[in-house]
Amino acid sequence: MKITDYLPTGKENAIPSKELAARLGFDTVRELQRAVERERQSGAVILSTCTDGGGYYLSDDPLEIPH
């Protein structure tokens, strides 16, 4: 299972951490955060936001992606 397979594109569609953790079967948000970090270290570009409830998402805007 890759988290990126479950993420929407666009900041406005970000999935809140608690919801994503539940969808993917993680017991805690912390477990989800660890899994996200592992995917990021493997090269996945998973973005997150704290605004409007926050959440995780993929971007289609190269300017959003940190370098």
C-alpha atoms as a PDB file:
ATOM      1  CA  MET A   1       0.000   0.000   0.000  1.00  0.00           C
ATOM      2  CA  LYS A   2       1.332   3.394  -0.977  1.00  0.00           C
ATOM      3  CA  ILE A   3      -0.160   6.432   0.707  1.00  0.00           C
ATOM      4  CA  THR A   4       0.217   8.415  -2.506  1.00  0.00           C
ATOM      5  CA  ASP A   5      -2.352   6.111  -4.114  1.00  0.00           C
ATOM      6  CA  TYR A   6      -4.971   7.470  -1.697  1.00  0.00           C
ATOM      7  CA  LEU A   7      -4.157  11.177  -1.833  1.00  0.00           C
ATOM      8  CA  PRO A   8      -6.088  13.729  -3.856  1.00  0.00           C
ATOM      9  CA  THR A   9      -4.441  16.386  -5.975  1.00  0.00           C
ATOM     10  CA  GLY A  10      -4.671  19.986  -4.834  1.00  0.00           C
ATOM     11  CA  LYS A  11      -4.375  21.751  -1.513  1.00  0.00           C
ATOM     12  CA  GLU A  12      -8.109  22.449  -1.524  1.00  0.00           C
ATOM     13  CA  ASN A  13      -8.746  18.671  -1.519  1.00  0.00           C
ATOM     14  CA  ALA A  14      -6.336  17.776   1.309  1.00  0.00           C
ATOM     15  CA  ILE A  15      -7.461  14.837   3.462  1.00  0.00           C
ATOM     16  CA  PRO A  16      -7.265  15.464   7.225  1.00  0.00           C
ATOM     17  CA  SER A  17      -4.768  13.258   9.067  1.00  0.00           C
ATOM     18  CA  LYS A  18      -7.366  11.529  11.239  1.00  0.00           C
ATOM     19  CA  GLU A  19      -9.521  10.682   8.236  1.00  0.00           C
ATOM     20  CA  LEU A  20      -6.586   9.392   6.191  1.00  0.00           C
ATOM     21  CA  ALA A  21      -5.290   7.316   9.110  1.00  0.00           C
ATOM     22  CA  ALA A  22      -8.713   5.701   9.511  1.00  0.00           C
ATOM     23  CA  ARG A  23      -9.068   5.032   5.760  1.00  0.00           C
ATOM     24  CA  LEU A  24      -5.685   3.349   5.633  1.00  0.00           C
ATOM     25  CA  GLY A  25      -6.109   1.338   8.826  1.00  0.00           C
ATOM     26  CA  PHE A  26      -3.528   3.075  11.009  1.00  0.00           C
ATOM     27  CA  ASP A  27      -4.243   2.979  14.740  1.00  0.00           C
ATOM     28  CA  THR A  28      -2.931   6.507  15.311  1.00  0.00           C
ATOM     29  CA  VAL A  29      -2.142   9.656  13.369  1.00  0.00           C
ATOM     30  CA  ARG A  30       1.460   9.263  14.543  1.00  0.00           C
ATOM     31  CA  GLU A  31       1.709   5.924  12.695  1.00  0.00           C
ATOM     32  CA  LEU A  32       0.418   7.655   9.565  1.00  0.00           C
ATOM     33  CA  GLN A  33       2.986  10.435   9.977  1.00  0.00           C
ATOM     34  CA  ARG A  34       5.795   7.880  10.200  1.00  0.00           C
ATOM     35  CA  ALA A  35       4.552   6.135   7.055  1.00  0.00           C
ATOM     36  CA  VAL A  36       4.316   9.464   5.209  1.00  0.00           C
ATOM     37  CA  GLU A  37       7.890  10.263   6.238  1.00  0.00           C
ATOM     38  CA  ARG A  38       9.123   6.887   4.947  1.00  0.00           C
ATOM     39  CA  GLU A  39       7.457   7.511   1.575  1.00  0.00           C
ATOM     40  CA  ARG A  40       8.916  11.022   1.445  1.00  0.00           C
ATOM     41  CA  GLN A  41      12.388   9.617   2.116  1.00  0.00           C
ATOM     42  CA  SER A  42      11.824   7.217  -0.781  1.00  0.00           C
ATOM     43  CA  GLY A  43      11.155  10.152  -3.088  1.00  0.00           C
ATOM     44  CA  ALA A  44       7.387  10.661  -2.882  1.00  0.00           C
ATOM     45  CA  VAL A  45       6.286  14.287  -2.926  1.00  0.00           C
ATOM     46  CA  ILE A  46       3.551  14.322  -0.291  1.00  0.00           C
ATOM     47  CA  LEU A  47       2.525  17.795   0.756  1.00  0.00           C
ATOM     48  CA  SER A  48       0.636  18.843   3.855  1.00  0.00           C
ATOM     49  CA  THR A  49      -1.111  21.932   5.089  1.00  0.00           C
ATOM     50  CA  CYS A  50      -2.207  23.221   8.465  1.00  0.00           C
ATOM     51  CA  THR A  51      -4.751  25.711   7.128  1.00  0.00           C
ATOM     52  CA  ASP A  52      -8.486  25.047   6.820  1.00  0.00           C
ATOM     53  CA  GLY A  53      -8.310  21.922   8.953  1.00  0.00           C
ATOM     54  CA  GLY A  54      -5.108  20.729   7.326  1.00  0.00           C
ATOM     55  CA  GLY A  55      -4.304  17.458   5.682  1.00  0.00           C
ATOM     56  CA  TYR A  56      -2.211  15.627   3.110  1.00  0.00           C
ATOM     57  CA  TYR A  57      -2.349  16.001  -0.662  1.00  0.00           C
ATOM     58  CA  LEU A  58      -0.411  15.756  -3.913  1.00  0.00           C
ATOM     59  CA  SER A  59       0.374  18.814  -5.972  1.00  0.00           C
ATOM     60  CA  ASP A  60       0.004  19.534  -9.655  1.00  0.00           C
ATOM     61  CA  ASP A  61       1.706  22.927  -9.153  1.00  0.00           C
ATOM     62  CA  PRO A  62       5.520  22.766  -9.329  1.00  0.00           C
ATOM     63  CA  LEU A  63       5.725  26.044  -7.393  1.00  0.00           C
ATOM     64  CA  GLU A  64       4.190  24.342  -4.321  1.00  0.00           C
ATOM     65  CA  ILE A  65       6.877  21.675  -4.190  1.00  0.00           C
ATOM     66  CA  PRO A  66       9.821  22.600  -1.934  1.00  0.00           C
ATOM     67  CA  HIS A  67      13.278  22.274  -3.421  1.00  0.00           C
END
